[in-house]
Amino acid sequence: MTAARAWVGDLVRDGSGTRAIVTDVRACGTVWVLRPQVGNGPHWETDDPDTLEIIARRGDHDGP
């Protein structure tokens, strides 16, 4: 993992502008699994982590 790459727990905006939480990184770091920021909606995947804009790192976006 590099500092510029999203990782599990990070709040991101995907390539379509949807805010999401990274829930898993699979296949030896080639597939990022995302879920909606709020709720338990459908999960989706990307194999291009460079399209994920990091909004907040894990822990930085958690409430008090």
PDB file of N, CA and C in Angstrom:
ATOM      1  N   MET A   1       0.847  -1.182   0.000  1.00  0.00           N
ATOM      2  CA  MET A   1       0.000   0.000   0.000  1.00  0.00           C
ATOM      3  C   MET A   1       0.881   1.231   0.000  1.00  0.00           C
ATOM      4  N   THR A   2       0.570   2.176  -0.872  1.00  0.00           N
ATOM      5  CA  THR A   2       1.284   3.442  -0.866  1.00  0.00           C
ATOM      6  C   THR A   2       0.417   4.482  -0.169  1.00  0.00           C
ATOM      7  N   ALA A   3       1.026   5.573   0.251  1.00  0.00           N
ATOM      8  CA  ALA A   3       0.308   6.615   0.981  1.00  0.00           C
ATOM      9  C   ALA A   3      -0.790   7.239   0.121  1.00  0.00           C
ATOM     10  N   ALA A   4      -0.614   7.263  -1.191  1.00  0.00           N
ATOM     11  CA  ALA A   4      -1.585   7.909  -2.065  1.00  0.00           C
ATOM     12  C   ALA A   4      -2.728   6.989  -2.479  1.00  0.00           C
ATOM     13  N   ARG A   5      -2.655   5.719  -2.135  1.00  0.00           N
ATOM     14  CA  ARG A   5      -3.654   4.750  -2.573  1.00  0.00           C
ATOM     15  C   ARG A   5      -4.669   4.497  -1.455  1.00  0.00           C
ATOM     16  N   ALA A   6      -5.951   4.450  -1.817  1.00  0.00           N
ATOM     17  CA  ALA A   6      -7.002   4.172  -0.833  1.00  0.00           C
ATOM     18  C   ALA A   6      -6.823   2.780  -0.258  1.00  0.00           C
ATOM     19  N   TRP A   7      -7.237   2.618   1.006  1.00  0.00           N
ATOM     20  CA  TRP A   7      -7.127   1.327   1.659  1.00  0.00           C
ATOM     21  C   TRP A   7      -8.358   1.091   2.503  1.00  0.00           C
ATOM     22  N   VAL A   8      -8.471  -0.097   3.065  1.00  0.00           N
ATOM     23  CA  VAL A   8      -9.648  -0.508   3.839  1.00  0.00           C
ATOM     24  C   VAL A   8      -9.958   0.520   4.931  1.00  0.00           C
ATOM     25  N   GLY A   9     -11.221   0.941   4.953  1.00  0.00           N
ATOM     26  CA  GLY A   9     -11.689   1.903   5.941  1.00  0.00           C
ATOM     27  C   GLY A   9     -11.682   3.333   5.466  1.00  0.00           C
ATOM     28  N   ASP A  10     -11.028   3.616   4.351  1.00  0.00           N
ATOM     29  CA  ASP A  10     -10.973   4.987   3.847  1.00  0.00           C
ATOM     30  C   ASP A  10     -12.303   5.390   3.216  1.00  0.00           C
ATOM     31  N   LEU A  11     -12.657   6.653   3.386  1.00  0.00           N
ATOM     32  CA  LEU A  11     -13.804   7.256   2.719  1.00  0.00           C
ATOM     33  C   LEU A  11     -13.298   7.813   1.396  1.00  0.00           C
ATOM     34  N   VAL A  12     -13.919   7.406   0.305  1.00  0.00           N
ATOM     35  CA  VAL A  12     -13.448   7.792  -1.031  1.00  0.00           C
ATOM     36  C   VAL A  12     -14.613   8.272  -1.901  1.00  0.00           C
ATOM     37  N   ARG A  13     -14.255   8.871  -3.024  1.00  0.00           N
ATOM     38  CA  ARG A  13     -15.210   9.172  -4.092  1.00  0.00           C
ATOM     39  C   ARG A  13     -14.730   8.373  -5.287  1.00  0.00           C
ATOM     40  N   ASP A  14     -15.642   7.553  -5.847  1.00  0.00           N
ATOM     41  CA  ASP A  14     -15.229   6.713  -6.977  1.00  0.00           C
ATOM     42  C   ASP A  14     -15.276   7.499  -8.276  1.00  0.00           C
ATOM     43  N   GLY A  15     -14.964   6.848  -9.366  1.00  0.00           N
ATOM     44  CA  GLY A  15     -14.895   7.505 -10.665  1.00  0.00           C
ATOM     45  C   GLY A  15     -16.197   8.126 -11.126  1.00  0.00           C
ATOM     46  N   SER A  16     -17.332   7.640 -10.596  1.00  0.00           N
ATOM     47  CA  SER A  16     -18.626   8.220 -10.973  1.00  0.00           C
ATOM     48  C   SER A  16     -19.089   9.283  -9.996  1.00  0.00           C
ATOM     49  N   GLY A  17     -18.273   9.580  -8.984  1.00  0.00           N
ATOM     50  CA  GLY A  17     -18.607  10.631  -8.019  1.00  0.00           C
ATOM     51  C   GLY A  17     -19.345  10.149  -6.779  1.00  0.00           C
ATOM     52  N   THR A  18     -19.524   8.846  -6.640  1.00  0.00           N
ATOM     53  CA  THR A  18     -20.234   8.281  -5.498  1.00  0.00           C
ATOM     54  C   THR A  18     -19.295   8.158  -4.305  1.00  0.00           C
ATOM     55  N   ARG A  19     -19.743   8.654  -3.144  1.00  0.00           N
ATOM     56  CA  ARG A  19     -18.965   8.506  -1.914  1.00  0.00           C
ATOM     57  C   ARG A  19     -19.123   7.087  -1.396  1.00  0.00           C
ATOM     58  N   ALA A  20     -18.019   6.496  -0.947  1.00  0.00           N
ATOM     59  CA  ALA A  20     -18.031   5.099  -0.531  1.00  0.00           C
ATOM     60  C   ALA A  20     -16.954   4.849   0.516  1.00  0.00           C
ATOM     61  N   ILE A  21     -17.085   3.700   1.185  1.00  0.00           N
ATOM     62  CA  ILE A  21     -16.074   3.220   2.113  1.00  0.00           C
ATOM     63  C   ILE A  21     -15.411   1.999   1.466  1.00  0.00           C
ATOM     64  N   VAL A  22     -14.090   1.947   1.505  1.00  0.00           N
ATOM     65  CA  VAL A  22     -13.376   0.760   1.032  1.00  0.00           C
ATOM     66  C   VAL A  22     -13.537  -0.316   2.106  1.00  0.00           C
ATOM     67  N   THR A  23     -14.125  -1.460   1.747  1.00  0.00           N
ATOM     68  CA  THR A  23     -14.365  -2.514   2.729  1.00  0.00           C
ATOM     69  C   THR A  23     -13.387  -3.669   2.617  1.00  0.00           C
ATOM     70  N   ASP A  24     -12.750  -3.817   1.473  1.00  0.00           N
ATOM     71  CA  ASP A  24     -11.832  -4.939   1.295  1.00  0.00           C
ATOM     72  C   ASP A  24     -10.936  -4.663   0.099  1.00  0.00           C
ATOM     73  N   VAL A  25      -9.759  -5.251   0.127  1.00  0.00           N
ATOM     74  CA  VAL A  25      -8.856  -5.263  -1.028  1.00  0.00           C
ATOM     75  C   VAL A  25      -8.530  -6.731  -1.262  1.00  0.00           C
ATOM     76  N   ARG A  26      -8.901  -7.221  -2.438  1.00  0.00           N
ATOM     77  CA  ARG A  26      -8.802  -8.660  -2.743  1.00  0.00           C
ATOM     78  C   ARG A  26      -7.839  -8.928  -3.885  1.00  0.00           C
ATOM     79  N   ALA A  27      -7.685 -10.199  -4.151  1.00  0.00           N
ATOM     80  CA  ALA A  27      -6.897 -10.682  -5.293  1.00  0.00           C
ATOM     81  C   ALA A  27      -5.493 -10.083  -5.278  1.00  0.00           C
ATOM     82  N   CYS A  28      -4.848 -10.195  -4.122  1.00  0.00           N
ATOM     83  CA  CYS A  28      -3.467  -9.712  -3.968  1.00  0.00           C
ATOM     84  C   CYS A  28      -3.331  -8.233  -4.303  1.00  0.00           C
ATOM     85  N   GLY A  29      -4.323  -7.447  -3.908  1.00  0.00           N
ATOM     86  CA  GLY A  29      -4.248  -6.002  -4.104  1.00  0.00           C
ATOM     87  C   GLY A  29      -4.626  -5.530  -5.481  1.00  0.00           C
ATOM     88  N   THR A  30      -5.481  -6.260  -6.180  1.00  0.00           N
ATOM     89  CA  THR A  30      -5.872  -5.834  -7.526  1.00  0.00           C
ATOM     90  C   THR A  30      -7.349  -5.481  -7.635  1.00  0.00           C
ATOM     91  N   VAL A  31      -8.146  -5.740  -6.589  1.00  0.00           N
ATOM     92  CA  VAL A  31      -9.575  -5.437  -6.613  1.00  0.00           C
ATOM     93  C   VAL A  31      -9.955  -4.738  -5.304  1.00  0.00           C
ATOM     94  N   TRP A  32     -10.532  -3.546  -5.414  1.00  0.00           N
ATOM     95  CA  TRP A  32     -10.999  -2.795  -4.253  1.00  0.00           C
ATOM     96  C   TRP A  32     -12.511  -2.933  -4.174  1.00  0.00           C
ATOM     97  N   VAL A  33     -13.018  -3.330  -2.995  1.00  0.00           N
ATOM     98  CA  VAL A  33     -14.456  -3.507  -2.778  1.00  0.00           C
ATOM     99  C   VAL A  33     -14.967  -2.279  -2.035  1.00  0.00           C
ATOM    100  N   LEU A  34     -16.065  -1.709  -2.533  1.00  0.00           N
ATOM    101  CA  LEU A  34     -16.633  -0.482  -1.977  1.00  0.00           C
ATOM    102  C   LEU A  34     -18.067  -0.712  -1.538  1.00  0.00           C
ATOM    103  N   ARG A  35     -18.510   0.062  -0.553  1.00  0.00           N
ATOM    104  CA  ARG A  35     -19.908   0.072  -0.139  1.00  0.00           C
ATOM    105  C   ARG A  35     -20.325   1.516   0.021  1.00  0.00           C
ATOM    106  N   PRO A  36     -21.639   1.786   0.002  1.00  0.00           N
ATOM    107  CA  PRO A  36     -22.089   3.163   0.191  1.00  0.00           C
ATOM    108  C   PRO A  36     -21.586   3.724   1.519  1.00  0.00           C
ATOM    109  N   GLN A  37     -21.400   5.031   1.573  1.00  0.00           N
ATOM    110  CA  GLN A  37     -20.939   5.673   2.801  1.00  0.00           C
ATOM    111  C   GLN A  37     -21.930   5.441   3.937  1.00  0.00           C
ATOM    112  N   VAL A  38     -23.216   5.453   3.610  1.00  0.00           N
ATOM    113  CA  VAL A  38     -24.261   5.266   4.616  1.00  0.00           C
ATOM    114  C   VAL A  38     -25.160   4.118   4.179  1.00  0.00           C
ATOM    115  N   GLY A  39     -25.530   3.267   5.111  1.00  0.00           N
ATOM    116  CA  GLY A  39     -26.444   2.177   4.810  1.00  0.00           C
ATOM    117  C   GLY A  39     -25.730   0.929   4.339  1.00  0.00           C
ATOM    118  N   ASN A  40     -26.542  -0.054   4.023  1.00  0.00           N
ATOM    119  CA  ASN A  40     -26.000  -1.346   3.592  1.00  0.00           C
ATOM    120  C   ASN A  40     -26.326  -1.640   2.144  1.00  0.00           C
ATOM    121  N   GLY A  41     -26.321  -0.635   1.319  1.00  0.00           N
ATOM    122  CA  GLY A  41     -26.650  -0.820  -0.089  1.00  0.00           C
ATOM    123  C   GLY A  41     -25.698  -1.779  -0.772  1.00  0.00           C
ATOM    124  N   PRO A  42     -25.860  -1.952  -2.048  1.00  0.00           N
ATOM    125  CA  PRO A  42     -25.032  -2.915  -2.784  1.00  0.00           C
ATOM    126  C   PRO A  42     -23.557  -2.522  -2.777  1.00  0.00           C
ATOM    127  N   HIS A  43     -22.720  -3.535  -2.747  1.00  0.00           N
ATOM    128  CA  HIS A  43     -21.275  -3.337  -2.840  1.00  0.00           C
ATOM    129  C   HIS A  43     -20.879  -3.362  -4.309  1.00  0.00           C
ATOM    130  N   TRP A  44     -19.788  -2.722  -4.637  1.00  0.00           N
ATOM    131  CA  TRP A  44     -19.266  -2.772  -5.994  1.00  0.00           C
ATOM    132  C   TRP A  44     -17.747  -2.809  -5.922  1.00  0.00           C
ATOM    133  N   GLU A  45     -17.110  -3.080  -7.038  1.00  0.00           N
ATOM    134  CA  GLU A  45     -15.664  -3.265  -7.083  1.00  0.00           C
ATOM    135  C   GLU A  45     -15.036  -2.384  -8.141  1.00  0.00           C
ATOM    136  N   THR A  46     -13.756  -2.112  -7.943  1.00  0.00           N
ATOM    137  CA  THR A  46     -12.957  -1.464  -8.974  1.00  0.00           C
ATOM    138  C   THR A  46     -11.591  -2.137  -9.018  1.00  0.00           C
ATOM    139  N   ASP A  47     -11.047  -2.230 -10.205  1.00  0.00           N
ATOM    140  CA  ASP A  47      -9.688  -2.748 -10.332  1.00  0.00           C
ATOM    141  C   ASP A  47      -8.732  -1.622 -10.705  1.00  0.00           C
ATOM    142  N   ASP A  48      -9.211  -0.376 -10.561  1.00  0.00           N
ATOM    143  CA  ASP A  48      -8.392   0.800 -10.852  1.00  0.00           C
ATOM    144  C   ASP A  48      -8.424   1.748  -9.653  1.00  0.00           C
ATOM    145  N   PRO A  49      -7.603   1.488  -8.633  1.00  0.00           N
ATOM    146  CA  PRO A  49      -7.637   2.311  -7.426  1.00  0.00           C
ATOM    147  C   PRO A  49      -7.247   3.766  -7.663  1.00  0.00           C
ATOM    148  N   ASP A  50      -6.607   4.048  -8.792  1.00  0.00           N
ATOM    149  CA  ASP A  50      -6.245   5.428  -9.089  1.00  0.00           C
ATOM    150  C   ASP A  50      -7.469   6.290  -9.372  1.00  0.00           C
ATOM    151  N   THR A  51      -8.633   5.650  -9.598  1.00  0.00           N
ATOM    152  CA  THR A  51      -9.867   6.416  -9.806  1.00  0.00           C
ATOM    153  C   THR A  51     -10.536   6.775  -8.481  1.00  0.00           C
ATOM    154  N   LEU A  52     -10.007   6.268  -7.367  1.00  0.00           N
ATOM    155  CA  LEU A  52     -10.592   6.540  -6.054  1.00  0.00           C
ATOM    156  C   LEU A  52      -9.930   7.767  -5.437  1.00  0.00           C
ATOM    157  N   GLU A  53     -10.733   8.811  -5.241  1.00  0.00           N
ATOM    158  CA  GLU A  53     -10.248  10.028  -4.595  1.00  0.00           C
ATOM    159  C   GLU A  53     -10.452   9.878  -3.093  1.00  0.00           C
ATOM    160  N   ILE A  54      -9.394   9.962  -2.329  1.00  0.00           N
ATOM    161  CA  ILE A  54      -9.495   9.818  -0.880  1.00  0.00           C
ATOM    162  C   ILE A  54     -10.058  11.100  -0.290  1.00  0.00           C
ATOM    163  N   ILE A  55     -11.187  10.968   0.419  1.00  0.00           N
ATOM    164  CA  ILE A  55     -11.799  12.099   1.108  1.00  0.00           C
ATOM    165  C   ILE A  55     -11.274  12.170   2.534  1.00  0.00           C
ATOM    166  N   ALA A  56     -11.218  11.014   3.204  1.00  0.00           N
ATOM    167  CA  ALA A  56     -10.698  10.944   4.572  1.00  0.00           C
ATOM    168  C   ALA A  56     -10.150   9.547   4.811  1.00  0.00           C
ATOM    169  N   ARG A  57      -9.048   9.493   5.518  1.00  0.00           N
ATOM    170  CA  ARG A  57      -8.443   8.219   5.883  1.00  0.00           C
ATOM    171  C   ARG A  57      -9.237   7.556   6.996  1.00  0.00           C
ATOM    172  N   ARG A  58      -9.106   6.264   7.112  1.00  0.00           N
ATOM    173  CA  ARG A  58      -9.755   5.495   8.165  1.00  0.00           C
ATOM    174  C   ARG A  58      -9.490   6.163   9.519  1.00  0.00           C
ATOM    175  N   GLY A  59     -10.546   6.327  10.288  1.00  0.00           N
ATOM    176  CA  GLY A  59     -10.424   6.961  11.595  1.00  0.00           C
ATOM    177  C   GLY A  59     -10.636   8.461  11.544  1.00  0.00           C
ATOM    178  N   ASP A  60     -10.288   9.108  10.445  1.00  0.00           N
ATOM    179  CA  ASP A  60     -10.466  10.560  10.328  1.00  0.00           C
ATOM    180  C   ASP A  60     -11.915  10.934  10.077  1.00  0.00           C
ATOM    181  N   HIS A  61     -12.715  10.004   9.529  1.00  0.00           N
ATOM    182  CA  HIS A  61     -14.100  10.314   9.196  1.00  0.00           C
ATOM    183  C   HIS A  61     -15.073   9.719  10.201  1.00  0.00           C
ATOM    184  N   ASP A  62     -14.562   8.991  11.208  1.00  0.00           N
ATOM    185  CA  ASP A  62     -15.428   8.399  12.218  1.00  0.00           C
ATOM    186  C   ASP A  62     -15.904   9.477  13.190  1.00  0.00           C
ATOM    187  N   GLY A  63     -17.121   9.298  13.633  1.00  0.00           N
ATOM    188  CA  GLY A  63     -17.687  10.239  14.596  1.00  0.00           C
ATOM    189  C   GLY A  63     -17.063  10.081  15.969  1.00  0.00           C
ATOM    190  N   PRO A  64     -17.391  10.987  16.906  1.00  0.00           N
ATOM    191  CA  PRO A  64     -16.828  10.917  18.266  1.00  0.00           C
ATOM    192  C   PRO A  64     -17.264   9.683  19.014  1.00  0.00           C
TER     193      PRO A  64
END
